PDB file of N, CA and C in Angstrom:
ATOM      1  N   MET A   1       0.836  -1.170   0.000  1.00  0.00           N
ATOM      2  CA  MET A   1       0.000   0.000   0.000  1.00  0.00           C
ATOM      3  C   MET A   1       0.888   1.242   0.000  1.00  0.00           C
ATOM      4  N   ILE A   2       0.498   2.251  -0.781  1.00  0.00           N
ATOM      5  CA  ILE A   2       1.242   3.505  -0.875  1.00  0.00           C
ATOM      6  C   ILE A   2       0.627   4.516   0.077  1.00  0.00           C
ATOM      7  N   LYS A   3       1.463   5.295   0.752  1.00  0.00           N
ATOM      8  CA  LYS A   3       0.990   6.313   1.682  1.00  0.00           C
ATOM      9  C   LYS A   3       1.090   7.683   1.009  1.00  0.00           C
ATOM     10  N   ILE A   4      -0.051   8.264   0.668  1.00  0.00           N
ATOM     11  CA  ILE A   4      -0.095   9.616   0.099  1.00  0.00           C
ATOM     12  C   ILE A   4       0.177  10.597   1.234  1.00  0.00           C
ATOM     13  N   ILE A   5       1.107  11.539   1.020  1.00  0.00           N
ATOM     14  CA  ILE A   5       1.444  12.477   2.094  1.00  0.00           C
ATOM     15  C   ILE A   5       1.010  13.911   1.800  1.00  0.00           C
ATOM     16  N   ASN A   6       0.625  14.191   0.543  1.00  0.00           N
ATOM     17  CA  ASN A   6       0.288  15.573   0.227  1.00  0.00           C
ATOM     18  C   ASN A   6      -0.316  15.643  -1.167  1.00  0.00           C
ATOM     19  N   LEU A   7      -1.110  16.662  -1.416  1.00  0.00           N
ATOM     20  CA  LEU A   7      -1.523  16.982  -2.777  1.00  0.00           C
ATOM     21  C   LEU A   7      -0.466  17.929  -3.303  1.00  0.00           C
ATOM     22  N   ASN A   8       0.262  17.515  -4.319  1.00  0.00           N
ATOM     23  CA  ASN A   8       1.423  18.244  -4.792  1.00  0.00           C
ATOM     24  C   ASN A   8       1.067  19.450  -5.642  1.00  0.00           C
ATOM     25  N   ILE A   9       0.207  19.256  -6.634  1.00  0.00           N
ATOM     26  CA  ILE A   9      -0.104  20.311  -7.587  1.00  0.00           C
ATOM     27  C   ILE A   9      -1.412  19.943  -8.275  1.00  0.00           C
ATOM     28  N   ILE A  10      -2.132  20.920  -8.765  1.00  0.00           N
ATOM     29  CA  ILE A  10      -3.338  20.665  -9.541  1.00  0.00           C
ATOM     30  C   ILE A  10      -3.033  21.004 -10.991  1.00  0.00           C
ATOM     31  N   ALA A  11      -3.193  20.023 -11.870  1.00  0.00           N
ATOM     32  CA  ALA A  11      -2.967  20.237 -13.299  1.00  0.00           C
ATOM     33  C   ALA A  11      -4.300  20.585 -13.953  1.00  0.00           C
ATOM     34  N   ILE A  12      -4.298  21.658 -14.725  1.00  0.00           N
ATOM     35  CA  ILE A  12      -5.496  22.096 -15.429  1.00  0.00           C
ATOM     36  C   ILE A  12      -5.138  22.242 -16.896  1.00  0.00           C
ATOM     37  N   TYR A  13      -5.864  21.535 -17.737  1.00  0.00           N
ATOM     38  CA  TYR A  13      -5.598  21.558 -19.171  1.00  0.00           C
ATOM     39  C   TYR A  13      -6.567  22.524 -19.828  1.00  0.00           C
ATOM     40  N   GLU A  14      -6.038  23.557 -20.423  1.00  0.00           N
ATOM     41  CA  GLU A  14      -6.805  24.681 -20.947  1.00  0.00           C
ATOM     42  C   GLU A  14      -6.787  24.702 -22.474  1.00  0.00           C
ATOM     43  N   THR A  15      -7.813  25.317 -23.054  1.00  0.00           N
ATOM     44  CA  THR A  15      -7.828  25.434 -24.513  1.00  0.00           C
ATOM     45  C   THR A  15      -7.027  26.640 -24.984  1.00  0.00           C
ATOM     46  N   ASN A  16      -6.841  27.643 -24.118  1.00  0.00           N
ATOM     47  CA  ASN A  16      -6.071  28.830 -24.472  1.00  0.00           C
ATOM     48  C   ASN A  16      -5.164  29.167 -23.296  1.00  0.00           C
ATOM     49  N   LEU A  17      -3.919  28.718 -23.371  1.00  0.00           N
ATOM     50  CA  LEU A  17      -2.988  28.872 -22.246  1.00  0.00           C
ATOM     51  C   LEU A  17      -2.740  30.333 -21.895  1.00  0.00           C
ATOM     52  N   LYS A  18      -2.522  31.174 -22.884  1.00  0.00           N
ATOM     53  CA  LYS A  18      -2.229  32.586 -22.633  1.00  0.00           C
ATOM     54  C   LYS A  18      -3.392  33.260 -21.891  1.00  0.00           C
ATOM     55  N   LYS A  19      -4.593  33.016 -22.333  1.00  0.00           N
ATOM     56  CA  LYS A  19      -5.782  33.588 -21.701  1.00  0.00           C
ATOM     57  C   LYS A  19      -5.950  33.066 -20.271  1.00  0.00           C
ATOM     58  N   SER A  20      -5.675  31.787 -20.070  1.00  0.00           N
ATOM     59  CA  SER A  20      -5.815  31.187 -18.745  1.00  0.00           C
ATOM     60  C   SER A  20      -4.776  31.712 -17.766  1.00  0.00           C
ATOM     61  N   VAL A  21      -3.526  31.857 -18.226  1.00  0.00           N
ATOM     62  CA  VAL A  21      -2.484  32.407 -17.363  1.00  0.00           C
ATOM     63  C   VAL A  21      -2.871  33.815 -16.935  1.00  0.00           C
ATOM     64  N   LYS A  22      -3.375  34.602 -17.860  1.00  0.00           N
ATOM     65  CA  LYS A  22      -3.805  35.965 -17.542  1.00  0.00           C
ATOM     66  C   LYS A  22      -4.909  35.956 -16.479  1.00  0.00           C
ATOM     67  N   PHE A  23      -5.871  35.053 -16.614  1.00  0.00           N
ATOM     68  CA  PHE A  23      -6.957  34.949 -15.642  1.00  0.00           C
ATOM     69  C   PHE A  23      -6.422  34.587 -14.256  1.00  0.00           C
ATOM     70  N   TYR A  24      -5.605  33.535 -14.183  1.00  0.00           N
ATOM     71  CA  TYR A  24      -5.112  33.080 -12.885  1.00  0.00           C
ATOM     72  C   TYR A  24      -4.164  34.083 -12.226  1.00  0.00           C
ATOM     73  N   THR A  25      -3.400  34.816 -13.024  1.00  0.00           N
ATOM     74  CA  THR A  25      -2.469  35.776 -12.429  1.00  0.00           C
ATOM     75  C   THR A  25      -3.133  37.121 -12.149  1.00  0.00           C
ATOM     76  N   GLU A  26      -3.866  37.647 -13.108  1.00  0.00           N
ATOM     77  CA  GLU A  26      -4.436  38.985 -12.956  1.00  0.00           C
ATOM     78  C   GLU A  26      -5.744  39.015 -12.172  1.00  0.00           C
ATOM     79  N   ILE A  27      -6.500  37.939 -12.208  1.00  0.00           N
ATOM     80  CA  ILE A  27      -7.784  37.907 -11.509  1.00  0.00           C
ATOM     81  C   ILE A  27      -7.677  37.203 -10.165  1.00  0.00           C
ATOM     82  N   LEU A  28      -7.023  36.043 -10.130  1.00  0.00           N
ATOM     83  CA  LEU A  28      -6.971  35.243  -8.911  1.00  0.00           C
ATOM     84  C   LEU A  28      -5.701  35.422  -8.093  1.00  0.00           C
ATOM     85  N   GLY A  29      -4.754  36.205  -8.587  1.00  0.00           N
ATOM     86  CA  GLY A  29      -3.586  36.545  -7.791  1.00  0.00           C
ATOM     87  C   GLY A  29      -2.463  35.525  -7.753  1.00  0.00           C
ATOM     88  N   PHE A  30      -2.483  34.532  -8.623  1.00  0.00           N
ATOM     89  CA  PHE A  30      -1.366  33.594  -8.706  1.00  0.00           C
ATOM     90  C   PHE A  30      -0.177  34.308  -9.342  1.00  0.00           C
ATOM     91  N   THR A  31       1.019  33.807  -9.067  1.00  0.00           N
ATOM     92  CA  THR A  31       2.214  34.329  -9.716  1.00  0.00           C
ATOM     93  C   THR A  31       2.907  33.180 -10.443  1.00  0.00           C
ATOM     94  N   LYS A  32       3.679  33.522 -11.467  1.00  0.00           N
ATOM     95  CA  LYS A  32       4.435  32.499 -12.182  1.00  0.00           C
ATOM     96  C   LYS A  32       5.556  32.006 -11.286  1.00  0.00           C
ATOM     97  N   SER A  33       5.688  30.704 -11.218  1.00  0.00           N
ATOM     98  CA  SER A  33       6.727  30.085 -10.413  1.00  0.00           C
ATOM     99  C   SER A  33       8.059  30.128 -11.150  1.00  0.00           C
ATOM    100  N   LYS A  34       9.147  30.084 -10.398  1.00  0.00           N
ATOM    101  CA  LYS A  34      10.472  29.988 -11.010  1.00  0.00           C
ATOM    102  C   LYS A  34      10.721  28.570 -11.523  1.00  0.00           C
ATOM    103  N   MET A  35       9.928  27.609 -11.044  1.00  0.00           N
ATOM    104  CA  MET A  35      10.051  26.228 -11.521  1.00  0.00           C
ATOM    105  C   MET A  35       9.569  26.169 -12.965  1.00  0.00           C
ATOM    106  N   VAL A  36      10.264  25.428 -13.792  1.00  0.00           N
ATOM    107  CA  VAL A  36       9.929  25.305 -15.203  1.00  0.00           C
ATOM    108  C   VAL A  36       9.574  23.855 -15.495  1.00  0.00           C
ATOM    109  N   MET A  37       8.442  23.642 -16.168  1.00  0.00           N
ATOM    110  CA  MET A  37       8.040  22.296 -16.540  1.00  0.00           C
ATOM    111  C   MET A  37       7.291  22.331 -17.872  1.00  0.00           C
ATOM    112  N   PRO A  38       8.037  22.493 -18.973  1.00  0.00           N
ATOM    113  CA  PRO A  38       7.410  22.555 -20.286  1.00  0.00           C
ATOM    114  C   PRO A  38       6.606  21.281 -20.574  1.00  0.00           C
ATOM    115  N   PRO A  39       5.544  21.368 -21.340  1.00  0.00           N
ATOM    116  CA  PRO A  39       5.135  22.520 -22.128  1.00  0.00           C
ATOM    117  C   PRO A  39       4.214  23.480 -21.388  1.00  0.00           C
ATOM    118  N   GLY A  40       3.973  23.251 -20.111  1.00  0.00           N
ATOM    119  CA  GLY A  40       3.063  24.099 -19.357  1.00  0.00           C
ATOM    120  C   GLY A  40       3.753  25.151 -18.520  1.00  0.00           C
ATOM    121  N   ILE A  41       2.952  25.793 -17.681  1.00  0.00           N
ATOM    122  CA  ILE A  41       3.429  26.870 -16.811  1.00  0.00           C
ATOM    123  C   ILE A  41       2.959  26.566 -15.393  1.00  0.00           C
ATOM    124  N   ILE A  42       3.828  26.757 -14.420  1.00  0.00           N
ATOM    125  CA  ILE A  42       3.478  26.550 -13.023  1.00  0.00           C
ATOM    126  C   ILE A  42       3.171  27.907 -12.394  1.00  0.00           C
ATOM    127  N   LEU A  43       2.021  27.975 -11.741  1.00  0.00           N
ATOM    128  CA  LEU A  43       1.601  29.170 -11.013  1.00  0.00           C
ATOM    129  C   LEU A  43       1.439  28.797  -9.553  1.00  0.00           C
ATOM    130  N   GLN A  44       1.603  29.775  -8.675  1.00  0.00           N
ATOM    131  CA  GLN A  44       1.380  29.481  -7.269  1.00  0.00           C
ATOM    132  C   GLN A  44       0.902  30.695  -6.500  1.00  0.00           C
ATOM    133  N   THR A  45       0.232  30.389  -5.411  1.00  0.00           N
ATOM    134  CA  THR A  45      -0.145  31.384  -4.424  1.00  0.00           C
ATOM    135  C   THR A  45      -0.096  30.684  -3.079  1.00  0.00           C
ATOM    136  N   GLY A  46       0.678  31.198  -2.175  1.00  0.00           N
ATOM    137  CA  GLY A  46       0.871  30.501  -0.905  1.00  0.00           C
ATOM    138  C   GLY A  46       1.407  29.108  -1.151  1.00  0.00           C
ATOM    139  N   GLU A  47       0.743  28.102  -0.593  1.00  0.00           N
ATOM    140  CA  GLU A  47       1.169  26.717  -0.780  1.00  0.00           C
ATOM    141  C   GLU A  47       0.434  26.035  -1.929  1.00  0.00           C
ATOM    142  N   ILE A  48      -0.443  26.747  -2.608  1.00  0.00           N
ATOM    143  CA  ILE A  48      -1.219  26.174  -3.709  1.00  0.00           C
ATOM    144  C   ILE A  48      -0.459  26.345  -5.017  1.00  0.00           C
ATOM    145  N   MET A  49      -0.293  25.222  -5.733  1.00  0.00           N
ATOM    146  CA  MET A  49       0.383  25.265  -7.022  1.00  0.00           C
ATOM    147  C   MET A  49      -0.533  24.720  -8.109  1.00  0.00           C
ATOM    148  N   LEU A  50      -0.527  25.416  -9.239  1.00  0.00           N
ATOM    149  CA  LEU A  50      -1.263  24.976 -10.416  1.00  0.00           C
ATOM    150  C   LEU A  50      -0.280  24.757 -11.553  1.00  0.00           C
ATOM    151  N   TYR A  51      -0.547  23.746 -12.351  1.00  0.00           N
ATOM    152  CA  TYR A  51       0.207  23.521 -13.576  1.00  0.00           C
ATOM    153  C   TYR A  51      -0.787  23.684 -14.717  1.00  0.00           C
ATOM    154  N   LEU A  52      -0.610  24.718 -15.529  1.00  0.00           N
ATOM    155  CA  LEU A  52      -1.493  24.964 -16.664  1.00  0.00           C
ATOM    156  C   LEU A  52      -0.807  24.511 -17.937  1.00  0.00           C
ATOM    157  N   GLU A  53      -1.555  23.788 -18.751  1.00  0.00           N
ATOM    158  CA  GLU A  53      -1.016  23.308 -20.015  1.00  0.00           C
ATOM    159  C   GLU A  53      -2.115  23.372 -21.063  1.00  0.00           C
ATOM    160  N   GLU A  54      -1.704  23.644 -22.297  1.00  0.00           N
ATOM    161  CA  GLU A  54      -2.650  23.632 -23.416  1.00  0.00           C
ATOM    162  C   GLU A  54      -3.302  22.255 -23.468  1.00  0.00           C
ATOM    163  N   SER A  55      -4.611  22.204 -23.673  1.00  0.00           N
ATOM    164  CA  SER A  55      -5.341  20.940 -23.669  1.00  0.00           C
ATOM    165  C   SER A  55      -4.762  19.948 -24.659  1.00  0.00           C
ATOM    166  N   ARG A  56      -4.666  18.699 -24.234  1.00  0.00           N
ATOM    167  CA  ARG A  56      -4.166  17.658 -25.116  1.00  0.00           C
ATOM    168  C   ARG A  56      -5.236  16.614 -25.403  1.00  0.00           C
ATOM    169  N   ALA A  57      -6.498  16.989 -25.239  1.00  0.00           N
ATOM    170  CA  ALA A  57      -7.597  16.050 -25.468  1.00  0.00           C
ATOM    171  C   ALA A  57      -7.578  15.503 -26.882  1.00  0.00           C
ATOM    172  N   GLU A  58      -7.349  16.372 -27.841  1.00  0.00           N
ATOM    173  CA  GLU A  58      -7.382  15.936 -29.230  1.00  0.00           C
ATOM    174  C   GLU A  58      -6.207  15.022 -29.590  1.00  0.00           C
ATOM    175  N   LYS A  59      -5.152  15.038 -28.793  1.00  0.00           N
ATOM    176  CA  LYS A  59      -4.005  14.174 -29.064  1.00  0.00           C
ATOM    177  C   LYS A  59      -4.275  12.731 -28.637  1.00  0.00           C
ATOM    178  N   ASN A  60      -5.170  12.575 -27.644  1.00  0.00           N
ATOM    179  CA  ASN A  60      -5.575  11.256 -27.174  1.00  0.00           C
ATOM    180  C   ASN A  60      -4.387  10.361 -26.845  1.00  0.00           C
ATOM    181  N   THR A  61      -3.394  10.907 -26.156  1.00  0.00           N
ATOM    182  CA  THR A  61      -2.179  10.147 -25.865  1.00  0.00           C
ATOM    183  C   THR A  61      -2.131   9.585 -24.448  1.00  0.00           C
ATOM    184  N   PHE A  62      -3.019  10.027 -23.597  1.00  0.00           N
ATOM    185  CA  PHE A  62      -2.947   9.614 -22.193  1.00  0.00           C
ATOM    186  C   PHE A  62      -4.188   8.876 -21.715  1.00  0.00           C
ATOM    187  N   GLY A  63      -4.975   8.335 -22.619  1.00  0.00           N
ATOM    188  CA  GLY A  63      -6.198   7.676 -22.190  1.00  0.00           C
ATOM    189  C   GLY A  63      -7.330   8.680 -22.138  1.00  0.00           C
ATOM    190  N   LYS A  64      -8.274   8.451 -21.250  1.00  0.00           N
ATOM    191  CA  LYS A  64      -9.446   9.318 -21.115  1.00  0.00           C
ATOM    192  C   LYS A  64      -9.008  10.737 -20.776  1.00  0.00           C
ATOM    193  N   HIS A  65      -9.586  11.718 -21.456  1.00  0.00           N
ATOM    194  CA  HIS A  65      -9.220  13.102 -21.195  1.00  0.00           C
ATOM    195  C   HIS A  65      -9.989  13.640 -20.001  1.00  0.00           C
ATOM    196  N   SER A  66      -9.302  14.334 -19.149  1.00  0.00           N
ATOM    197  CA  SER A  66      -9.899  14.990 -18.003  1.00  0.00           C
ATOM    198  C   SER A  66      -9.309  16.387 -17.922  1.00  0.00           C
ATOM    199  N   GLU A  67     -10.123  17.385 -17.632  1.00  0.00           N
ATOM    200  CA  GLU A  67      -9.621  18.746 -17.524  1.00  0.00           C
ATOM    201  C   GLU A  67      -8.843  18.967 -16.227  1.00  0.00           C
ATOM    202  N   PHE A  68      -9.025  18.109 -15.231  1.00  0.00           N
ATOM    203  CA  PHE A  68      -8.294  18.210 -13.982  1.00  0.00           C
ATOM    204  C   PHE A  68      -7.584  16.888 -13.713  1.00  0.00           C
ATOM    205  N   SER A  69      -6.390  16.966 -13.178  1.00  0.00           N
ATOM    206  CA  SER A  69      -5.624  15.768 -12.886  1.00  0.00           C
ATOM    207  C   SER A  69      -4.925  15.948 -11.544  1.00  0.00           C
ATOM    208  N   PRO A  70      -5.218  15.094 -10.552  1.00  0.00           N
ATOM    209  CA  PRO A  70      -4.499  15.229  -9.286  1.00  0.00           C
ATOM    210  C   PRO A  70      -3.045  14.824  -9.444  1.00  0.00           C
ATOM    211  N   CYS A  71      -2.209  15.494  -8.702  1.00  0.00           N
ATOM    212  CA  CYS A  71      -0.784  15.173  -8.682  1.00  0.00           C
ATOM    213  C   CYS A  71      -0.398  14.959  -7.225  1.00  0.00           C
ATOM    214  N   PHE A  72      -0.019  13.740  -6.890  1.00  0.00           N
ATOM    215  CA  PHE A  72       0.272  13.393  -5.514  1.00  0.00           C
ATOM    216  C   PHE A  72       1.767  13.355  -5.238  1.00  0.00           C
ATOM    217  N   ALA A  73       2.119  13.744  -4.025  1.00  0.00           N
ATOM    218  CA  ALA A  73       3.487  13.629  -3.538  1.00  0.00           C
ATOM    219  C   ALA A  73       3.547  12.436  -2.600  1.00  0.00           C
ATOM    220  N   THR A  74       4.652  11.718  -2.635  1.00  0.00           N
ATOM    221  CA  THR A  74       4.897  10.633  -1.691  1.00  0.00           C
ATOM    222  C   THR A  74       6.291  10.841  -1.109  1.00  0.00           C
ATOM    223  N   GLU A  75       6.659  10.029  -0.159  1.00  0.00           N
ATOM    224  CA  GLU A  75       7.976  10.194   0.454  1.00  0.00           C
ATOM    225  C   GLU A  75       9.103   9.965  -0.539  1.00  0.00           C
ATOM    226  N   SER A  76       8.879   9.105  -1.539  1.00  0.00           N
ATOM    227  CA  SER A  76       9.871   8.848  -2.580  1.00  0.00           C
ATOM    228  C   SER A  76       9.141   8.492  -3.868  1.00  0.00           C
ATOM    229  N   ILE A  77       9.257   9.341  -4.872  1.00  0.00           N
ATOM    230  CA  ILE A  77       8.577   9.103  -6.142  1.00  0.00           C
ATOM    231  C   ILE A  77       9.114   7.834  -6.807  1.00  0.00           C
ATOM    232  N   LYS A  78      10.408   7.621  -6.751  1.00  0.00           N
ATOM    233  CA  LYS A  78      10.996   6.427  -7.361  1.00  0.00           C
ATOM    234  C   LYS A  78      10.513   5.156  -6.662  1.00  0.00           C
ATOM    235  N   GLN A  79      10.458   5.177  -5.344  1.00  0.00           N
ATOM    236  CA  GLN A  79       9.977   4.022  -4.593  1.00  0.00           C
ATOM    237  C   GLN A  79       8.503   3.759  -4.920  1.00  0.00           C
ATOM    238  N   THR A  80       7.714   4.825  -5.032  1.00  0.00           N
ATOM    239  CA  THR A  80       6.306   4.681  -5.388  1.00  0.00           C
ATOM    240  C   THR A  80       6.173   4.074  -6.782  1.00  0.00           C
ATOM    241  N   TYR A  81       6.977   4.577  -7.724  1.00  0.00           N
ATOM    242  CA  TYR A  81       6.980   4.040  -9.089  1.00  0.00           C
ATOM    243  C   TYR A  81       7.296   2.545  -9.074  1.00  0.00           C
ATOM    244  N   ASN A  82       8.331   2.164  -8.350  1.00  0.00           N
ATOM    245  CA  ASN A  82       8.718   0.754  -8.297  1.00  0.00           C
ATOM    246  C   ASN A  82       7.632  -0.109  -7.662  1.00  0.00           C
ATOM    247  N   THR A  83       6.977   0.404  -6.631  1.00  0.00           N
ATOM    248  CA  THR A  83       5.886  -0.329  -5.991  1.00  0.00           C
ATOM    249  C   THR A  83       4.736  -0.550  -6.975  1.00  0.00           C
ATOM    250  N   LEU A  84       4.373   0.495  -7.706  1.00  0.00           N
ATOM    251  CA  LEU A  84       3.292   0.372  -8.679  1.00  0.00           C
ATOM    252  C   LEU A  84       3.695  -0.506  -9.869  1.00  0.00           C
ATOM    253  N   LYS A  85       4.965  -0.424 -10.261  1.00  0.00           N
ATOM    254  CA  LYS A  85       5.469  -1.274 -11.345  1.00  0.00           C
ATOM    255  C   LYS A  85       5.393  -2.742 -10.943  1.00  0.00           C
ATOM    256  N   ASP A  86       5.789  -3.032  -9.705  1.00  0.00           N
ATOM    257  CA  ASP A  86       5.712  -4.407  -9.195  1.00  0.00           C
ATOM    258  C   ASP A  86       4.259  -4.899  -9.151  1.00  0.00           C
ATOM    259  N   ALA A  87       3.327  -3.975  -8.955  1.00  0.00           N
ATOM    260  CA  ALA A  87       1.895  -4.316  -8.924  1.00  0.00           C
ATOM    261  C   ALA A  87       1.304  -4.394 -10.330  1.00  0.00           C
ATOM    262  N   LYS A  88       2.170  -4.240 -11.341  1.00  0.00           N
ATOM    263  CA  LYS A  88       1.784  -4.327 -12.758  1.00  0.00           C
ATOM    264  C   LYS A  88       0.776  -3.254 -13.180  1.00  0.00           C
ATOM    265  N   ILE A  89       0.933  -2.053 -12.589  1.00  0.00           N
ATOM    266  CA  ILE A  89       0.127  -0.906 -12.987  1.00  0.00           C
ATOM    267  C   ILE A  89       0.666  -0.386 -14.314  1.00  0.00           C
ATOM    268  N   LYS A  90      -0.221  -0.018 -15.226  1.00  0.00           N
ATOM    269  CA  LYS A  90       0.175   0.523 -16.525  1.00  0.00           C
ATOM    270  C   LYS A  90       0.522   2.006 -16.370  1.00  0.00           C
ATOM    271  N   PHE A  91       1.662   2.404 -16.931  1.00  0.00           N
ATOM    272  CA  PHE A  91       2.103   3.790 -16.870  1.00  0.00           C
ATOM    273  C   PHE A  91       1.825   4.476 -18.193  1.00  0.00           C
ATOM    274  N   VAL A  92       1.330   5.717 -18.128  1.00  0.00           N
ATOM    275  CA  VAL A  92       1.144   6.486 -19.357  1.00  0.00           C
ATOM    276  C   VAL A  92       2.342   7.394 -19.602  1.00  0.00           C
ATOM    277  N   ILE A  93       3.068   7.727 -18.548  1.00  0.00           N
ATOM    278  CA  ILE A  93       4.373   8.385 -18.650  1.00  0.00           C
ATOM    279  C   ILE A  93       5.259   7.705 -17.623  1.00  0.00           C
ATOM    280  N   ASP A  94       6.355   7.127 -18.078  1.00  0.00           N
ATOM    281  CA  ASP A  94       7.283   6.448 -17.180  1.00  0.00           C
ATOM    282  C   ASP A  94       7.989   7.439 -16.253  1.00  0.00           C
ATOM    283  N   TYR A  95       8.551   6.887 -15.227  1.00  0.00           N
ATOM    284  CA  TYR A  95       9.331   7.664 -14.263  1.00  0.00           C
ATOM    285  C   TYR A  95      10.423   8.449 -14.982  1.00  0.00           C
ATOM    286  N   THR A  96      10.467   9.752 -14.714  1.00  0.00           N
ATOM    287  CA  THR A  96      11.490  10.616 -15.294  1.00  0.00           C
ATOM    288  C   THR A  96      11.979  11.586 -14.236  1.00  0.00           C
ATOM    289  N   GLU A  97      13.298  11.707 -14.110  1.00  0.00           N
ATOM    290  CA  GLU A  97      13.878  12.713 -13.216  1.00  0.00           C
ATOM    291  C   GLU A  97      14.209  13.937 -14.055  1.00  0.00           C
ATOM    292  N   TYR A  98      13.606  15.070 -13.696  1.00  0.00           N
ATOM    293  CA  TYR A  98      13.836  16.318 -14.409  1.00  0.00           C
ATOM    294  C   TYR A  98      14.938  17.140 -13.765  1.00  0.00           C
ATOM    295  N   ALA A  99      15.224  16.864 -12.514  1.00  0.00           N
ATOM    296  CA  ALA A  99      16.275  17.547 -11.761  1.00  0.00           C
ATOM    297  C   ALA A  99      16.628  16.632 -10.593  1.00  0.00           C
ATOM    298  N   PRO A 100      17.731  16.878  -9.921  1.00  0.00           N
ATOM    299  CA  PRO A 100      18.084  16.012  -8.778  1.00  0.00           C
ATOM    300  C   PRO A 100      17.016  16.011  -7.679  1.00  0.00           C
ATOM    301  N   THR A 101      16.173  17.035  -7.671  1.00  0.00           N
ATOM    302  CA  THR A 101      15.159  17.124  -6.625  1.00  0.00           C
ATOM    303  C   THR A 101      13.735  16.969  -7.150  1.00  0.00           C
ATOM    304  N   PHE A 102      13.569  16.598  -8.437  1.00  0.00           N
ATOM    305  CA  PHE A 102      12.215  16.497  -8.984  1.00  0.00           C
ATOM    306  C   PHE A 102      12.098  15.369 -10.003  1.00  0.00           C
ATOM    307  N   ALA A 103      11.106  14.515  -9.780  1.00  0.00           N
ATOM    308  CA  ALA A 103      10.801  13.418 -10.702  1.00  0.00           C
ATOM    309  C   ALA A 103       9.288  13.274 -10.790  1.00  0.00           C
ATOM    310  N   LEU A 104       8.826  12.638 -11.870  1.00  0.00           N
ATOM    311  CA  LEU A 104       7.389  12.385 -11.990  1.00  0.00           C
ATOM    312  C   LEU A 104       7.116  11.173 -12.849  1.00  0.00           C
ATOM    313  N   PHE A 105       5.892  10.653 -12.718  1.00  0.00           N
ATOM    314  CA  PHE A 105       5.345   9.642 -13.626  1.00  0.00           C
ATOM    315  C   PHE A 105       3.831   9.773 -13.573  1.00  0.00           C
ATOM    316  N   ARG A 106       3.158   9.179 -14.567  1.00  0.00           N
ATOM    317  CA  ARG A 106       1.699   9.251 -14.630  1.00  0.00           C
ATOM    318  C   ARG A 106       1.121   7.864 -14.871  1.00  0.00           C
ATOM    319  N   ILE A 107      -0.033   7.648 -14.258  1.00  0.00           N
ATOM    320  CA  ILE A 107      -0.805   6.426 -14.432  1.00  0.00           C
ATOM    321  C   ILE A 107      -2.252   6.846 -14.703  1.00  0.00           C
ATOM    322  N   THR A 108      -3.109   5.879 -14.917  1.00  0.00           N
ATOM    323  CA  THR A 108      -4.542   6.170 -14.970  1.00  0.00           C
ATOM    324  C   THR A 108      -5.240   5.316 -13.926  1.00  0.00           C
ATOM    325  N   ASP A 109      -6.380   5.801 -13.465  1.00  0.00           N
ATOM    326  CA  ASP A 109      -7.190   5.006 -12.554  1.00  0.00           C
ATOM    327  C   ASP A 109      -7.993   3.994 -13.384  1.00  0.00           C
ATOM    328  N   PRO A 110      -8.760   3.138 -12.751  1.00  0.00           N
ATOM    329  CA  PRO A 110      -9.493   2.118 -13.522  1.00  0.00           C
ATOM    330  C   PRO A 110     -10.463   2.687 -14.562  1.00  0.00           C
ATOM    331  N   ASP A 111     -10.894   3.913 -14.376  1.00  0.00           N
ATOM    332  CA  ASP A 111     -11.803   4.544 -15.338  1.00  0.00           C
ATOM    333  C   ASP A 111     -11.049   5.312 -16.417  1.00  0.00           C
ATOM    334  N   GLY A 112      -9.720   5.329 -16.336  1.00  0.00           N
ATOM    335  CA  GLY A 112      -8.921   6.011 -17.339  1.00  0.00           C
ATOM    336  C   GLY A 112      -8.571   7.444 -17.000  1.00  0.00           C
ATOM    337  N   ASN A 113      -8.899   7.920 -15.803  1.00  0.00           N
ATOM    338  CA  ASN A 113      -8.552   9.273 -15.386  1.00  0.00           C
ATOM    339  C   ASN A 113      -7.069   9.358 -15.051  1.00  0.00           C
ATOM    340  N   LEU A 114      -6.431  10.406 -15.527  1.00  0.00           N
ATOM    341  CA  LEU A 114      -4.995  10.613 -15.358  1.00  0.00           C
ATOM    342  C   LEU A 114      -4.657  10.977 -13.913  1.00  0.00           C
ATOM    343  N   ILE A 115      -3.625  10.324 -13.371  1.00  0.00           N
ATOM    344  CA  ILE A 115      -3.111  10.625 -12.034  1.00  0.00           C
ATOM    345  C   ILE A 115      -1.600  10.757 -12.140  1.00  0.00           C
ATOM    346  N   GLU A 116      -1.059  11.805 -11.560  1.00  0.00           N
ATOM    347  CA  GLU A 116       0.372  12.050 -11.597  1.00  0.00           C
ATOM    348  C   GLU A 116       0.952  11.932 -10.193  1.00  0.00           C
ATOM    349  N   PHE A 117       2.167  11.406 -10.114  1.00  0.00           N
ATOM    350  CA  PHE A 117       2.951  11.392  -8.894  1.00  0.00           C
ATOM    351  C   PHE A 117       4.215  12.174  -9.178  1.00  0.00           C
ATOM    352  N   ALA A 118       4.501  13.164  -8.351  1.00  0.00           N
ATOM    353  CA  ALA A 118       5.670  14.016  -8.600  1.00  0.00           C
ATOM    354  C   ALA A 118       6.254  14.511  -7.291  1.00  0.00           C
ATOM    355  N   GLY A 119       7.553  14.758  -7.319  1.00  0.00           N
ATOM    356  CA  GLY A 119       8.233  15.293  -6.152  1.00  0.00           C
ATOM    357  C   GLY A 119       9.651  14.788  -6.063  1.00  0.00           C
ATOM    358  N   THR A 120      10.129  14.622  -4.862  1.00  0.00           N
ATOM    359  CA  THR A 120      11.495  14.199  -4.613  1.00  0.00           C
ATOM    360  C   THR A 120      11.711  12.759  -5.067  1.00  0.00           C
ATOM    361  N   PRO A 121      12.729  12.552  -5.882  1.00  0.00           N
ATOM    362  CA  PRO A 121      12.986  11.188  -6.369  1.00  0.00           C
ATOM    363  C   PRO A 121      13.140  10.199  -5.238  1.00  0.00           C
TER     364      PRO A 121
END
């Protein structure tokens, strides 16, 4: 069993990224984060982080499309990945380390909804 320790970030897939960034920053008070995670943009306010990305529904590359995707943090993303791999869970994005302090992977739930795990490797 995996122990979820935090909600890491909320991913929102938008049809117009520029318009959405303007809304979240100018209307809701989010600021652009110094963290970079192409092709999207990370915004934050206090401890709340959003990852905005142009919608990829039409690409149909990750299973069922959802406009919102939870991103969970665990004590070790690599250990979580290995635990799920041993359980024969299907990955839509394999484990990738983007920096010494940041890694992620994505799976889907039984209904095909995208779930991301990200944080400290």
